[in-house]
N, C-alpha and C. Protein backbone atom coordinates (compact mmCIF):
# COMPACT_ATOMS: atom_id res chain seq x y z
N MET A 1 0.82 -1.19 0.00
CA MET A 1 0.00 0.00 0.00
C MET A 1 0.86 1.25 0.00
N LYS A 2 2.00 1.20 0.75
CA LYS A 2 2.88 2.35 0.81
C LYS A 2 3.52 2.61 -0.56
N MET A 3 3.72 1.58 -1.34
CA MET A 3 4.31 1.74 -2.68
C MET A 3 3.26 2.24 -3.68
N LEU A 4 2.04 1.92 -3.43
CA LEU A 4 0.97 2.29 -4.34
C LEU A 4 0.60 3.77 -4.21
N LEU A 5 0.74 4.34 -3.01
CA LEU A 5 0.37 5.74 -2.79
C LEU A 5 1.24 6.71 -3.58
N PRO A 6 2.61 6.61 -3.58
CA PRO A 6 3.40 7.53 -4.40
C PRO A 6 3.11 7.37 -5.90
N LEU A 7 2.89 6.13 -6.33
CA LEU A 7 2.59 5.89 -7.74
C LEU A 7 1.25 6.55 -8.12
N LEU A 8 0.28 6.45 -7.26
CA LEU A 8 -1.01 7.07 -7.50
C LEU A 8 -0.91 8.59 -7.52
N ILE A 9 -0.09 9.17 -6.66
CA ILE A 9 0.10 10.62 -6.62
C ILE A 9 0.76 11.11 -7.91
N VAL A 10 1.75 10.38 -8.39
CA VAL A 10 2.44 10.76 -9.64
C VAL A 10 1.47 10.67 -10.82
N LEU A 11 0.66 9.64 -10.87
CA LEU A 11 -0.29 9.49 -11.97
C LEU A 11 -1.35 10.59 -11.94
N LEU A 12 -1.82 10.94 -10.76
CA LEU A 12 -2.81 12.00 -10.66
C LEU A 12 -2.21 13.36 -10.98
N ALA A 13 -0.97 13.56 -10.63
CA ALA A 13 -0.31 14.84 -10.94
C ALA A 13 -0.17 15.02 -12.45
N GLY A 14 0.02 13.93 -13.17
CA GLY A 14 0.12 14.02 -14.62
C GLY A 14 -1.19 14.41 -15.27
N CYS A 15 -2.29 14.08 -14.67
CA CYS A 15 -3.60 14.43 -15.22
C CYS A 15 -3.97 15.88 -14.93
N VAL A 16 -3.36 16.47 -13.92
CA VAL A 16 -3.71 17.83 -13.52
C VAL A 16 -3.07 18.87 -14.43
N THR A 17 -1.89 18.60 -14.97
CA THR A 17 -1.20 19.60 -15.79
C THR A 17 -1.99 19.86 -17.07
N LEU A 18 -2.03 21.10 -17.49
CA LEU A 18 -2.78 21.50 -18.68
C LEU A 18 -1.88 21.50 -19.90
N PRO A 19 -2.42 21.18 -21.06
CA PRO A 19 -1.62 21.28 -22.27
C PRO A 19 -1.35 22.76 -22.58
N PRO A 20 -0.27 23.04 -23.30
CA PRO A 20 0.03 24.43 -23.61
C PRO A 20 -1.08 25.04 -24.49
N ALA A 21 -1.32 26.32 -24.29
CA ALA A 21 -2.35 27.02 -25.06
C ALA A 21 -1.90 27.14 -26.52
N PRO A 22 -2.81 27.02 -27.46
CA PRO A 22 -2.42 27.15 -28.87
C PRO A 22 -1.98 28.58 -29.18
N VAL A 23 -1.01 28.67 -30.06
CA VAL A 23 -0.47 29.98 -30.46
C VAL A 23 -1.21 30.43 -31.73
N VAL A 24 -1.73 31.63 -31.70
CA VAL A 24 -2.45 32.18 -32.85
C VAL A 24 -1.46 32.95 -33.71
N THR A 25 -1.38 32.59 -34.98
CA THR A 25 -0.51 33.30 -35.91
C THR A 25 -1.36 33.83 -37.06
N GLU A 26 -0.98 34.99 -37.56
CA GLU A 26 -1.70 35.61 -38.66
C GLU A 26 -0.94 35.34 -39.95
N VAL A 27 -1.63 34.82 -40.93
CA VAL A 27 -1.01 34.46 -42.20
C VAL A 27 -1.67 35.28 -43.29
N ASP A 28 -0.85 35.98 -44.08
CA ASP A 28 -1.36 36.77 -45.21
C ASP A 28 -1.31 35.91 -46.47
N ILE A 29 -2.46 35.72 -47.09
CA ILE A 29 -2.56 34.92 -48.31
C ILE A 29 -2.96 35.85 -49.44
N PRO A 30 -2.14 35.90 -50.51
CA PRO A 30 -2.53 36.76 -51.63
C PRO A 30 -3.76 36.20 -52.34
N ILE A 31 -4.66 37.09 -52.70
CA ILE A 31 -5.89 36.70 -53.39
C ILE A 31 -5.85 37.33 -54.78
N GLY A 32 -6.06 36.51 -55.79
CA GLY A 32 -6.03 37.00 -57.16
C GLY A 32 -7.18 37.93 -57.45
N GLU A 33 -6.92 38.93 -58.27
CA GLU A 33 -7.95 39.87 -58.68
C GLU A 33 -8.20 39.72 -60.17
N LYS A 34 -9.42 39.95 -60.56
CA LYS A 34 -9.77 39.85 -61.97
C LYS A 34 -9.16 41.02 -62.73
N CYS A 35 -8.57 40.73 -63.86
CA CYS A 35 -7.95 41.77 -64.68
C CYS A 35 -9.01 42.38 -65.59
N GLU A 36 -9.01 43.69 -65.64
CA GLU A 36 -10.00 44.40 -66.47
C GLU A 36 -9.34 45.11 -67.65
N ALA A 37 -8.16 44.66 -68.07
CA ALA A 37 -7.47 45.30 -69.19
C ALA A 37 -8.21 44.98 -70.49
N PRO A 38 -8.32 45.94 -71.38
CA PRO A 38 -9.00 45.68 -72.65
C PRO A 38 -8.15 44.78 -73.55
N VAL A 39 -8.79 43.84 -74.18
CA VAL A 39 -8.10 42.94 -75.11
C VAL A 39 -8.09 43.59 -76.48
N PRO A 40 -6.89 43.76 -77.08
CA PRO A 40 -6.85 44.42 -78.39
C PRO A 40 -7.48 43.53 -79.47
N LYS A 41 -8.11 44.19 -80.43
CA LYS A 41 -8.75 43.48 -81.52
C LYS A 41 -7.68 43.02 -82.52
N GLN A 42 -7.80 41.78 -82.96
CA GLN A 42 -6.82 41.26 -83.91
C GLN A 42 -7.04 41.92 -85.27
N PRO A 43 -5.96 42.46 -85.86
CA PRO A 43 -6.12 43.14 -87.15
C PRO A 43 -6.31 42.13 -88.29
N SER A 44 -6.83 42.61 -89.41
CA SER A 44 -6.88 41.76 -90.59
C SER A 44 -5.52 41.90 -91.28
N PHE A 45 -4.83 40.80 -91.41
CA PHE A 45 -3.46 40.83 -91.93
C PHE A 45 -3.46 40.93 -93.45
N ALA A 46 -2.36 41.48 -93.96
CA ALA A 46 -2.25 41.77 -95.40
C ALA A 46 -2.27 40.51 -96.25
N VAL A 47 -1.73 39.42 -95.75
CA VAL A 47 -1.67 38.18 -96.53
C VAL A 47 -3.06 37.60 -96.74
N ASP A 48 -3.94 37.82 -95.77
CA ASP A 48 -5.30 37.29 -95.90
C ASP A 48 -6.07 37.92 -97.06
N ALA A 49 -5.68 39.13 -97.47
CA ALA A 49 -6.38 39.82 -98.55
C ALA A 49 -5.79 39.52 -99.93
N LEU A 50 -4.71 38.74 -99.99
CA LEU A 50 -4.09 38.43 -101.29
C LEU A 50 -4.97 37.50 -102.11
N PRO A 51 -5.06 37.75 -103.40
CA PRO A 51 -5.77 36.80 -104.25
C PRO A 51 -4.94 35.52 -104.43
N ILE A 52 -5.58 34.45 -104.82
CA ILE A 52 -4.90 33.15 -104.95
C ILE A 52 -3.75 33.20 -105.94
N GLY A 53 -3.89 33.84 -107.05
CA GLY A 53 -2.85 33.84 -108.08
C GLY A 53 -1.92 35.03 -108.02
N ALA A 54 -1.67 35.59 -106.87
CA ALA A 54 -0.82 36.78 -106.76
C ALA A 54 0.63 36.42 -107.08
N ASP A 55 1.33 37.36 -107.73
CA ASP A 55 2.73 37.09 -108.08
C ASP A 55 3.62 37.16 -106.84
N ILE A 56 4.86 36.72 -107.00
CA ILE A 56 5.79 36.60 -105.87
C ILE A 56 6.10 37.96 -105.25
N TYR A 57 6.11 39.01 -106.03
CA TYR A 57 6.42 40.34 -105.50
C TYR A 57 5.29 40.86 -104.61
N ALA A 58 4.06 40.60 -105.01
CA ALA A 58 2.91 41.00 -104.19
C ALA A 58 2.86 40.19 -102.89
N GLN A 59 3.23 38.90 -103.00
CA GLN A 59 3.26 38.06 -101.80
C GLN A 59 4.34 38.53 -100.82
N THR A 60 5.51 38.85 -101.35
CA THR A 60 6.60 39.32 -100.50
C THR A 60 6.23 40.64 -99.83
N LYS A 61 5.64 41.54 -100.60
CA LYS A 61 5.23 42.82 -100.03
C LYS A 61 4.19 42.63 -98.93
N ALA A 62 3.23 41.72 -99.16
CA ALA A 62 2.20 41.45 -98.16
C ALA A 62 2.79 40.79 -96.91
N LEU A 63 3.74 39.88 -97.10
CA LEU A 63 4.37 39.23 -95.95
C LEU A 63 5.17 40.21 -95.10
N ARG A 64 5.85 41.13 -95.75
CA ARG A 64 6.60 42.14 -95.00
C ARG A 64 5.66 43.07 -94.23
N ALA A 65 4.54 43.41 -94.86
CA ALA A 65 3.56 44.25 -94.17
C ALA A 65 2.92 43.50 -93.01
N GLU A 66 2.67 42.20 -93.21
CA GLU A 66 2.07 41.41 -92.14
C GLU A 66 3.01 41.30 -90.95
N ARG A 67 4.29 41.20 -91.20
CA ARG A 67 5.27 41.13 -90.11
C ARG A 67 5.18 42.37 -89.23
N GLN A 68 5.07 43.53 -89.85
CA GLN A 68 4.95 44.77 -89.08
C GLN A 68 3.61 44.82 -88.33
N GLN A 69 2.55 44.33 -88.98
CA GLN A 69 1.25 44.30 -88.31
C GLN A 69 1.30 43.38 -87.08
N ARG A 70 1.94 42.23 -87.21
CA ARG A 70 2.03 41.29 -86.09
C ARG A 70 2.86 41.86 -84.95
N LYS A 71 3.93 42.58 -85.29
CA LYS A 71 4.74 43.21 -84.24
C LYS A 71 3.91 44.22 -83.45
N GLY A 72 3.14 45.03 -84.16
CA GLY A 72 2.29 46.00 -83.48
C GLY A 72 1.23 45.33 -82.62
N TYR A 73 0.65 44.25 -83.13
CA TYR A 73 -0.36 43.52 -82.37
C TYR A 73 0.24 42.88 -81.12
N GLU A 74 1.45 42.33 -81.24
CA GLU A 74 2.13 41.73 -80.10
C GLU A 74 2.44 42.78 -79.03
N HIS A 75 2.83 43.98 -79.46
CA HIS A 75 3.09 45.05 -78.49
C HIS A 75 1.81 45.42 -77.73
N GLU A 76 0.69 45.44 -78.43
CA GLU A 76 -0.58 45.74 -77.77
C GLU A 76 -0.95 44.63 -76.78
N LEU A 77 -0.71 43.37 -77.14
CA LEU A 77 -0.99 42.27 -76.24
C LEU A 77 -0.10 42.32 -75.00
N GLU A 78 1.19 42.63 -75.20
CA GLU A 78 2.12 42.72 -74.07
C GLU A 78 1.71 43.86 -73.13
N ALA A 79 1.24 44.96 -73.69
CA ALA A 79 0.78 46.08 -72.85
C ALA A 79 -0.44 45.67 -72.04
N ALA A 80 -1.33 44.88 -72.61
CA ALA A 80 -2.51 44.42 -71.88
C ALA A 80 -2.12 43.47 -70.75
N VAL A 81 -1.13 42.61 -70.99
CA VAL A 81 -0.67 41.68 -69.95
C VAL A 81 0.03 42.47 -68.83
N LYS A 82 0.83 43.45 -69.18
CA LYS A 82 1.53 44.24 -68.16
C LYS A 82 0.55 45.06 -67.31
N ALA A 83 -0.57 45.45 -67.89
CA ALA A 83 -1.57 46.20 -67.13
C ALA A 83 -2.21 45.34 -66.05
N CYS A 84 -2.17 44.04 -66.21
CA CYS A 84 -2.78 43.13 -65.22
C CYS A 84 -1.82 42.75 -64.10
N ARG A 85 -0.59 43.13 -64.18
CA ARG A 85 0.37 42.76 -63.13
C ARG A 85 0.40 43.76 -62.04
């Protein structure tokens, strides 16, 4: 009985201690926002207007013009993407 009493006191003391209180931390989570940048309208390219039997000089001229049109369109698209960042 004398051996049982200290063991019982130790076991009861273990039940009395409280667990540590939870720590509250604040976490900032980025939330995406909808982009309202205007989407540029795709131009009608010069090659699309070429007739089927166009000579090589007309095709070359249209391809060079289309390259410039595409560069301008790409710049407009890049500006729209940068506006959303």
